[in-house]
Structure formats: C-alpha cells, structure tokens
Protein backbone atom coordinates (compact mmCIF):
# COMPACT_ATOMS: atom_id res chain seq x y z
CA UNK A 1 0.00 0.00 0.00
CA UNK A 2 1.31 3.44 -0.94
CA UNK A 3 2.16 5.69 2.07
CA UNK A 4 0.06 8.83 2.44
CA UNK A 5 3.17 10.94 1.80
CA UNK A 6 6.42 10.10 0.02
CA UNK A 7 9.75 11.85 -0.48
CA UNK A 8 8.83 11.84 -4.17
CA UNK A 9 5.77 13.97 -3.40
CA UNK A 10 7.97 16.57 -1.71
CA UNK A 11 10.39 16.59 -4.65
CA UNK A 12 7.57 16.98 -7.16
CA UNK A 13 5.98 19.81 -5.18
CA UNK A 14 9.14 21.76 -4.29
CA UNK A 15 11.98 20.31 -6.34
CA UNK A 16 12.02 23.00 -9.01
CA UNK A 17 12.25 25.90 -6.57
CA UNK A 18 14.88 24.00 -4.58
CA UNK A 19 16.99 23.44 -7.69
CA UNK A 20 16.78 27.12 -8.58
CA UNK A 21 17.66 28.29 -5.06
CA UNK A 22 20.67 25.96 -4.79
CA UNK A 23 21.78 25.76 -8.42
CA UNK A 24 25.35 26.81 -7.59
CA UNK A 25 25.87 24.32 -4.77
CA UNK A 26 24.08 21.17 -5.94
CA UNK A 27 26.34 18.48 -7.36
CA UNK A 28 25.47 16.61 -10.55
CA UNK A 29 24.95 13.50 -8.42
CA UNK A 30 22.45 15.27 -6.14
CA UNK A 31 20.56 16.64 -9.13
CA UNK A 32 20.38 13.15 -10.62
CA UNK A 33 19.02 11.71 -7.35
CA UNK A 34 16.29 14.35 -7.24
CA UNK A 35 15.37 13.57 -10.82
CA UNK A 36 15.33 9.81 -10.22
CA UNK A 37 13.09 10.07 -7.14
CA UNK A 38 10.78 12.45 -8.96
CA UNK A 39 10.27 10.06 -11.88
CA UNK A 40 10.29 6.77 -9.97
CA UNK A 41 7.29 4.58 -10.82
CA UNK A 42 5.73 7.13 -13.14
CA UNK A 43 4.82 6.93 -16.82
CA UNK A 44 8.08 8.75 -17.63
CA UNK A 45 10.11 5.58 -16.93
CA UNK A 46 7.76 3.26 -18.78
CA UNK A 47 6.55 -0.10 -17.57
CA UNK A 48 3.81 -2.48 -18.62
CA UNK A 49 0.05 -2.88 -18.63
CA UNK A 50 -1.37 -5.71 -16.50
CA UNK A 51 -4.76 -7.40 -16.65
CA UNK A 52 -6.44 -9.75 -14.17
CA UNK A 53 -6.96 -13.24 -15.55
CA UNK A 54 -10.28 -13.54 -13.66
CA UNK A 55 -12.13 -10.23 -13.63
CA UNK A 56 -10.32 -8.33 -16.40
CA UNK A 57 -9.24 -5.45 -14.13
CA UNK A 58 -6.35 -3.47 -15.68
CA UNK A 59 -3.57 -1.36 -14.16
CA UNK A 60 -0.36 0.31 -15.20
CA UNK A 61 2.80 -0.97 -13.49
CA UNK A 62 5.56 1.59 -13.91
CA UNK A 63 9.30 0.96 -13.60
CA UNK A 64 11.40 1.95 -10.60
CA UNK A 65 14.33 4.34 -10.86
CA UNK A 66 16.64 1.82 -9.07
CA UNK A 67 18.63 4.59 -7.36
CA UNK A 68 19.98 3.47 -4.01
CA UNK A 69 18.89 6.76 -2.40
CA UNK A 70 15.23 6.32 -3.39
CA UNK A 71 12.94 5.21 -0.52
CA UNK A 72 10.89 3.03 -2.90
CA UNK A 73 13.80 1.12 -4.44
CA UNK A 74 15.38 -0.68 -1.49
CA UNK A 75 13.24 -3.74 -0.75
CA UNK A 76 14.41 -6.03 -3.54
CA UNK A 77 18.06 -4.99 -3.22
CA UNK A 78 17.86 -5.79 0.47
CA UNK A 79 16.26 -9.18 -0.18
CA UNK A 80 18.93 -10.15 -2.73
CA UNK A 81 21.73 -9.14 -0.36
CA UNK A 82 20.22 -11.02 2.59
CA UNK A 83 19.87 -14.18 0.51
CA UNK A 84 23.61 -14.10 -0.18
CA UNK A 85 24.38 -13.64 3.52
CA UNK A 86 22.09 -16.53 4.54
CA UNK A 87 24.61 -19.16 3.47
CA UNK A 88 27.46 -17.40 5.33
CA UNK A 89 26.00 -17.52 8.84
CA UNK A 90 28.00 -19.47 11.42
CA UNK A 91 26.56 -21.31 14.46
CA UNK A 92 27.80 -18.80 17.03
CA UNK A 93 26.78 -15.65 18.84
CA UNK A 94 26.83 -12.46 16.72
CA UNK A 95 27.73 -8.97 17.89
CA UNK A 96 26.75 -5.49 16.71
CA UNK A 97 29.34 -2.73 17.26
CA UNK A 98 28.84 0.89 16.17
CA UNK A 99 31.73 3.29 15.44
CA UNK A 100 30.78 6.98 15.29
CA UNK A 101 32.71 10.06 14.13
CA UNK A 102 32.47 12.92 16.66
CA UNK A 103 30.33 15.96 15.83
CA UNK A 104 33.30 18.30 15.15
CA UNK A 105 34.12 16.16 12.09
CA UNK A 106 30.63 16.47 10.56
CA UNK A 107 31.30 19.54 8.39
CA UNK A 108 34.64 18.18 7.22
CA UNK A 109 32.92 14.92 6.31
CA UNK A 110 30.28 16.68 4.22
CA UNK A 111 32.95 18.53 2.23
CA UNK A 112 35.09 15.39 1.80
CA UNK A 113 32.67 12.47 1.73
CA UNK A 114 34.74 9.96 -0.23
CA UNK A 115 37.90 10.64 1.76
CA UNK A 116 36.35 10.86 5.24
CA UNK A 117 34.03 7.88 4.87
CA UNK A 118 36.83 5.76 3.41
CA UNK A 119 38.97 6.61 6.43
CA UNK A 120 36.07 5.64 8.68
CA UNK A 121 35.96 2.18 7.10
CA UNK A 122 39.75 1.84 7.23
CA UNK A 123 40.19 2.89 10.87
CA UNK A 124 37.22 0.79 12.01
CA UNK A 125 38.37 -2.37 10.22
CA UNK A 126 41.94 -2.03 11.44
CA UNK A 127 40.76 -1.39 14.99
CA UNK A 128 38.57 -4.49 15.14
CA UNK A 129 41.16 -6.76 13.56
CA UNK A 130 44.16 -5.60 15.62
CA UNK A 131 42.36 -5.68 18.98
CA UNK A 132 40.82 -9.08 18.21
CA UNK A 133 44.23 -10.47 17.21
CA UNK A 134 45.79 -9.29 20.48
CA UNK A 135 46.22 -12.34 22.80
CA UNK A 136 45.19 -10.14 25.73
CA UNK A 137 41.71 -9.95 24.24
CA UNK A 138 40.74 -12.69 21.77
CA UNK A 139 43.90 -13.73 19.94
CA UNK A 140 42.12 -14.64 16.72
CA UNK A 141 41.51 -13.65 13.13
CA UNK A 142 37.94 -12.41 12.81
CA UNK A 143 35.56 -11.61 9.97
CA UNK A 144 32.85 -8.98 9.81
CA UNK A 145 31.04 -6.51 7.60
CA UNK A 146 30.33 -2.81 8.04
CA UNK A 147 27.38 -0.71 6.87
CA UNK A 148 27.77 3.06 6.54
CA UNK A 149 25.04 5.39 7.78
CA UNK A 150 25.65 9.13 7.52
CA UNK A 151 22.51 10.52 9.17
CA UNK A 152 20.83 11.05 12.49
CA UNK A 153 17.08 10.76 13.08
CA UNK A 154 16.54 14.43 12.13
CA UNK A 155 18.62 14.06 8.92
CA UNK A 156 21.63 15.94 10.32
CA UNK A 157 25.15 14.71 9.55
CA UNK A 158 26.04 11.80 11.83
CA UNK A 159 28.52 9.43 10.10
CA UNK A 160 28.77 6.02 11.76
CA UNK A 161 29.40 2.38 10.89
CA UNK A 162 27.27 -0.56 11.97
CA UNK A 163 29.55 -3.60 12.24
CA UNK A 164 28.22 -7.15 12.51
CA UNK A 165 30.77 -9.64 13.83
CA UNK A 166 30.59 -13.39 14.53
CA UNK A 167 31.52 -14.06 18.15
CA UNK A 168 34.89 -15.66 17.59
CA UNK A 169 37.55 -16.39 15.02
CA UNK A 170 40.35 -18.64 13.88
CA UNK A 171 43.37 -18.86 16.18
CA UNK A 172 46.44 -17.09 14.84
CA UNK A 173 48.10 -20.47 14.21
CA UNK A 174 45.03 -21.54 12.20
CA UNK A 175 44.43 -24.70 14.24
CA UNK A 176 41.30 -23.99 16.26
CA UNK A 177 38.26 -21.79 16.66
CA UNK A 178 38.40 -19.31 19.54
CA UNK A 179 35.00 -18.22 20.82
CA UNK A 180 34.30 -14.96 22.63
CA UNK A 181 33.07 -14.99 26.18
CA UNK A 182 29.27 -15.35 26.21
CA UNK A 183 27.69 -11.93 25.78
CA UNK A 184 31.03 -10.12 25.45
CA UNK A 185 33.03 -9.36 22.32
CA UNK A 186 35.83 -6.82 22.88
CA UNK A 187 36.19 -3.94 25.40
CA UNK A 188 34.61 -0.82 23.91
CA UNK A 189 36.95 1.59 25.69
CA UNK A 190 39.97 -0.11 24.12
CA UNK A 191 38.25 -0.10 20.73
CA UNK A 192 37.33 3.58 21.11
CA UNK A 193 40.86 4.76 21.87
CA UNK A 194 42.46 2.71 19.11
CA UNK A 195 39.82 3.93 16.66
CA UNK A 196 40.46 7.57 17.61
CA UNK A 197 44.23 7.16 17.32
CA UNK A 198 44.07 5.50 13.89
CA UNK A 199 41.47 7.84 12.41
CA UNK A 200 43.36 10.97 13.43
CA UNK A 201 46.61 9.51 12.12
CA UNK A 202 45.10 8.80 8.71
CA UNK A 203 43.29 12.14 8.67
CA UNK A 204 46.57 13.95 9.31
CA UNK A 205 48.19 12.08 6.44
CA UNK A 206 45.31 12.94 4.09
CA UNK A 207 45.69 16.62 5.01
CA UNK A 208 49.46 16.54 4.48
CA UNK A 209 48.92 14.95 1.06
CA UNK A 210 46.52 17.73 0.05
CA UNK A 211 43.53 15.38 -0.24
CA UNK A 212 41.07 17.45 1.80
CA UNK A 213 38.84 20.25 0.51
CA UNK A 214 38.43 23.12 2.99
CA UNK A 215 35.79 25.71 2.13
CA UNK A 216 33.52 28.13 3.94
CA UNK A 217 33.75 27.80 7.73
CA UNK A 218 36.60 25.31 7.34
CA UNK A 219 38.83 27.50 5.18
CA UNK A 220 40.86 28.52 8.23
CA UNK A 221 42.02 24.91 8.54
CA UNK A 222 44.09 25.43 5.39
CA UNK A 223 46.69 26.83 7.79
CA UNK A 224 48.72 23.84 9.02
CA UNK A 225 48.94 25.19 12.59
CA UNK A 226 45.16 25.60 12.74
CA UNK A 227 44.68 22.07 11.47
CA UNK A 228 47.15 20.74 14.06
CA UNK A 229 45.12 22.45 16.81
CA UNK A 230 41.95 20.98 15.28
CA UNK A 231 43.40 17.45 15.48
CA UNK A 232 44.70 18.04 19.02
CA UNK A 233 41.21 19.03 20.19
CA UNK A 234 39.73 15.90 18.61
CA UNK A 235 42.31 13.77 20.39
CA UNK A 236 41.15 15.12 23.76
CA UNK A 237 37.51 14.04 23.49
CA UNK A 238 36.05 10.57 23.87
CA UNK A 239 34.99 8.92 20.60
CA UNK A 240 31.87 6.81 20.76
CA UNK A 241 32.13 3.09 20.12
CA UNK A 242 28.98 1.35 21.21
CA UNK A 243 28.43 -2.39 21.53
CA UNK A 244 24.75 -3.25 21.28
CA UNK A 245 23.26 -6.34 22.89
CA UNK A 246 24.43 -9.47 21.05
CA UNK A 247 22.01 -11.02 18.61
CA UNK A 248 22.02 -14.29 20.52
CA UNK A 249 22.47 -16.50 17.48
CA UNK A 250 22.50 -16.57 13.69
CA UNK A 251 18.76 -17.14 13.43
CA UNK A 252 18.10 -13.55 14.55
CA UNK A 253 20.81 -11.84 12.52
CA UNK A 254 19.16 -11.64 9.10
CA UNK A 255 15.87 -10.18 10.34
CA UNK A 256 17.80 -7.51 12.18
CA UNK A 257 20.12 -6.75 9.30
CA UNK A 258 17.23 -6.07 6.98
CA UNK A 259 16.56 -2.91 8.99
CA UNK A 260 20.11 -1.62 8.59
CA UNK A 261 21.77 -2.67 5.35
CA UNK A 262 19.75 -0.83 2.72
CA UNK A 263 18.33 1.97 4.82
CA UNK A 264 18.27 5.50 3.46
CA UNK A 265 18.26 8.85 5.29
CA UNK A 266 14.49 8.72 5.89
CA UNK A 267 11.81 6.21 4.94
CA UNK A 268 8.44 7.23 3.58
CA UNK A 269 6.61 5.79 6.57
CA UNK A 270 8.16 8.46 8.84
CA UNK A 271 6.64 11.29 6.81
CA UNK A 272 3.47 12.78 8.28
CA UNK A 273 2.43 15.87 6.34
CA UNK A 274 3.38 18.32 3.60
CA UNK A 275 1.47 21.57 4.07
CA UNK A 276 2.15 25.21 3.27
CA UNK A 277 5.68 24.41 2.17
CA UNK A 278 6.59 22.60 5.39
CA UNK A 279 7.35 18.92 5.98
CA UNK A 280 6.40 17.19 9.23
CA UNK A 281 8.03 13.85 10.09
CA UNK A 282 8.47 11.52 13.05
CA UNK A 283 11.77 10.72 14.72
CA UNK A 284 13.21 9.06 17.81
CA UNK A 285 15.14 11.19 20.29
CA UNK A 286 17.98 8.88 21.32
CA UNK A 287 19.25 11.42 23.88
CA UNK A 288 15.97 11.10 25.76
CA UNK A 289 15.24 7.36 26.02
CA UNK A 290 14.24 7.06 22.33
CA UNK A 291 11.12 9.16 22.85
CA UNK A 292 9.00 9.46 19.72
CA UNK A 293 8.81 13.07 18.60
CA UNK A 294 7.74 15.13 15.62
CA UNK A 295 9.80 17.70 13.69
CA UNK A 296 8.70 20.30 11.16
CA UNK A 297 11.08 21.69 8.53
CA UNK A 298 10.62 23.87 5.49
CA UNK A 299 10.58 21.81 2.30
CA UNK A 300 13.79 23.57 1.29
CA UNK A 301 15.56 22.56 4.51
CA UNK A 302 14.15 19.03 4.36
CA UNK A 303 15.50 18.50 0.85
CA UNK A 304 18.83 20.09 1.78
CA UNK A 305 19.26 17.69 4.69
CA UNK A 306 18.11 14.71 2.63
CA UNK A 307 20.66 15.43 -0.11
CA UNK A 308 23.52 15.72 2.40
CA UNK A 309 23.40 11.92 2.52
CA UNK A 310 23.76 11.27 -1.20
CA UNK A 311 26.96 9.27 -1.54
CA UNK A 312 29.61 9.75 -4.25
CA UNK A 313 29.23 7.69 -7.42
CA UNK A 314 30.33 4.10 -6.94
CA UNK A 315 31.04 4.45 -3.22
CA UNK A 316 30.55 1.10 -1.51
CA UNK A 317 28.57 1.57 1.69
CA UNK A 318 28.66 -2.14 2.69
CA UNK A 319 32.12 -3.67 3.02
CA UNK A 320 33.46 -7.03 4.22
CA UNK A 321 36.72 -7.57 6.09
CA UNK A 322 38.99 -10.22 7.57
CA UNK A 323 37.70 -13.76 7.21
CA UNK A 324 34.67 -12.39 5.36
CA UNK A 325 36.71 -10.34 2.89
CA UNK A 326 35.56 -10.90 -0.66
CA UNK A 327 38.72 -12.50 -2.05
CA UNK A 328 38.99 -15.53 0.29
CA UNK A 329 35.54 -15.59 1.89
CA UNK A 330 34.48 -19.03 0.66
CA UNK A 331 37.61 -20.85 1.79
CA UNK A 332 37.68 -18.98 5.13
CA UNK A 333 34.07 -19.88 5.84
CA UNK A 334 34.80 -23.51 4.97
CA UNK A 335 37.68 -23.51 7.45
CA UNK A 336 35.50 -21.89 10.15
CA UNK A 337 32.85 -24.57 9.70
CA UNK A 338 35.49 -27.28 9.81
CA UNK A 339 36.81 -25.97 13.11
CA UNK A 340 33.29 -25.56 14.48
CA UNK A 341 32.36 -29.08 13.37
CA UNK A 342 29.39 -28.11 11.20
CA UNK A 343 28.51 -28.59 7.55
CA UNK A 344 27.71 -25.85 5.08
CA UNK A 345 24.00 -25.07 4.69
CA UNK A 346 22.27 -26.29 1.57
CA UNK A 347 22.08 -23.76 -1.24
CA UNK A 348 18.83 -21.80 -1.31
CA UNK A 349 17.44 -21.57 -4.85
CA UNK A 350 17.21 -18.07 -6.28
CA UNK A 351 13.73 -16.56 -6.10
CA UNK A 352 12.23 -14.03 -8.48
CA UNK A 353 11.08 -10.58 -7.42
CA UNK A 354 7.53 -11.77 -6.66
CA UNK A 355 8.70 -14.30 -4.09
CA UNK A 356 11.10 -11.79 -2.55
CA UNK A 357 8.33 -9.19 -2.32
CA UNK A 358 6.03 -11.76 -0.73
CA UNK A 359 8.68 -12.63 1.86
CA UNK A 360 9.31 -8.98 2.75
CA UNK A 361 5.74 -7.71 2.87
CA UNK A 362 3.48 -10.72 3.18
CA UNK A 363 1.61 -9.46 0.11
CA UNK A 364 1.37 -10.99 -3.35
CA UNK A 365 2.32 -8.27 -5.86
CA UNK A 366 0.46 -10.06 -8.64
CA UNK A 367 -2.82 -10.60 -6.79
CA UNK A 368 -5.63 -8.61 -8.38
CA UNK A 369 -6.41 -5.59 -6.15
CA UNK A 370 -10.01 -5.60 -7.43
CA UNK A 371 -11.30 -9.16 -7.07
CA UNK A 372 -8.52 -10.52 -4.80
CA UNK A 373 -8.74 -13.84 -6.64
CA UNK A 374 -7.07 -13.55 -10.02
CA UNK A 375 -3.47 -12.87 -10.98
CA UNK A 376 -2.31 -9.80 -12.86
CA UNK A 377 -0.74 -10.77 -16.19
CA UNK A 378 1.39 -8.54 -18.40
CA UNK A 379 -0.42 -7.77 -21.65
CA UNK A 380 1.45 -4.77 -23.07
CA UNK A 381 4.65 -2.77 -22.74
CA UNK A 382 4.56 0.94 -21.89
CA UNK A 383 7.64 2.62 -23.40
CA UNK A 384 9.75 4.99 -21.32
CA UNK A 385 9.49 8.68 -22.10
CA UNK A 386 12.79 9.74 -20.50
CA UNK A 387 16.02 8.22 -19.20
CA UNK A 388 17.70 9.02 -15.90
CA UNK A 389 21.09 8.08 -14.52
CA UNK A 390 20.59 4.93 -12.52
CA UNK A 391 22.62 3.97 -9.48
CA UNK A 392 21.66 0.72 -7.81
CA UNK A 393 25.03 0.09 -6.14
C-alpha cells in the first residue's frame, strides 16, 4: 500500500524551486538523485500494462528508478543481499558494534565524503582486527562486515558504521576456533581509543597529502597550525564506540540486518504531512530514552538535509573484512565450519522478485487488487518517455 506521503511527493511539489535556489551548490549527483526520485514509478520511466486473468481489471505498473537513495527502491536490493548472507552464517553468537565520528568532524565529512568515509571504514576495520588479534583480548583472526550510515534521526550529519561480527575467530596459528566470552566481544573503551588514534593519524596524512577540501567555515584549517590544533582538540575528546546487545544466534541476525543494510536517510513511513511548504516527520530522540517526537522543517531545509546523505558515485557503503573479505571468503568460511564441526547449509534456490516481495511484505504483488482472486498478467509494454542516470550500487 502506498504511504500517504512520500519523499517523491515533496520533490515533485518543491523540487524546481529548490533546484533554482541551490543551483550553484548542488552536485550533478544530487541533481540526478532528485530527478530519479521524482520520476520513480511514473509513466516517464515506462513499464507495462497488466490485466487480471479472472475479472479483467487493468492497471499500469511503472518501472522503478533503481537509485539506491530512493525510498521506494530498497526492498528487492535488500532481499537479494540477505539471501547471499544466509549461506554465510555461522553457528555462534553475533555482535553489533557501532563506530561513530564525533560531531566536530561532521562539516569536514560533508565537504570530503569519499575521503572521510573511506577513512572511517579503514580505521574501524583495522581497529577491530588488531584488537581481536591481540592475545590479551581474543587472539584470533575475525571476519565482519560494516554498513555506513551518515545521518541522524533528524537528517543531520552523523557518520557512523554498523559492524556485525561473529563471536569468535580462527586462532592465529590456524588450528582452532576461539570463541568470545558469552555476551562479550571486545572492550569498547579499548576499541574507542584505538579507533580515535588510527582515524586521526590517517586524517593527518590525508591533510598533508593535500587530499582534503576546505571551504567556507573550514577554510581557516588550510593553515597547518590551525589544522594541528583541530586534530589536538579531537584527540582530547572521547569517541563513541557502542556495543549493542548481542544477537544471541544466527537465526536472529538476518531479520535484524534487513533494517540496517539498505536503509536511506528517511523512509516514507516516517513522513506525516506536507502543508504550506513545510514537511512534518516523526523521529526518535535517542538522547531522551528514544522518545517518539515530531519535527517540522521547510521543504527547502528538508530536501537540503536529505541530499547531504547522497553518496559519491560508486562508493561502496557495505564492506566485508577479515575472514569475510571478498577474495577468500568461501575458503575462510569452509575452514571456520570445519573448526566448528558443522557442515555448510544447503544452497537456497534463487527466487524471483515476486517471491522476494512476498517474503518482505506478506503481500502478493500479482494478486488482483479488485477481485482478490485472479493474478495480474502482463499484456502490453509501456515505453519509457525519459532516461535518468541509474545507481543501484
């Protein structure tokens, strides 16, 4: 069922004036995302005509834009990704660790997305692997994946990584599986300080190599002494690394991951109203016991905040490391199962989009909405009227 209000509705109502007001600052990528969302599942992208095989009811089914920033184009991508992860689950406890960049780095991150977010992945991965390999903690090679989120509940800049880690790893000599203590992965204070040290080290190197853009309020950091003071201040504050409650077992991991992996800055179901040029939406206030609250922004400010979270072309926001790294994942998983004394799960046959949709929503996308008995069959093609730049990565 279509939500009462969608991001697409806001773009269609106020996109033109927003583009005009911010013509000088909008990137080509941001303009393309606006265009994609605006045209998604409309006649402009084409589609096909369907007819019920029982009652003859007809409807137009228009194509999706497939952009990864579109709220309507995430379900099937998520389902495909989760199917691939299904066969990789190990019979052990799983942990969820979140690494967050401090607020003073938010503006720098927005001006240098590719560089800053890449450093976030690098520092996080190195932190987890080095602390886990330390005999004082776990003394093992581990595997994990990280998912980048760049937003807070009110769409402000809040870059952080959600890391999902099996509770153990292969001993450094490769001979046995070492499990974590029940309910405990690695000490967050140790992780936090190593993460801070590594990130600031790599950030300093990026600055020295001239890889950072410094404009507007950050232009003063072009002076090396100012930047050194900036780094020194960051080194004095505590960086947040948060270990959530463990999943408890592989059977709960996939359901949970579906809420994190292909999330965008705001989903349509959080939107409440668009009236008099203002957008009202729901959010959780995590600083006050996750209280449910409502925020109202001008359409211009809403779209500005939404577009802050458009990622650079080709930037991979889900990455795998260690034993789950792409190159040797299959053989590493086979070795983990051998050490754990379990066999690989049977291969799940690939399902088409209808089965995936059914699994995600409990609804049959081909059931006739009129008679609720027949199936909608494709009887004609509706040609596209325009083309947009697609980005489904």
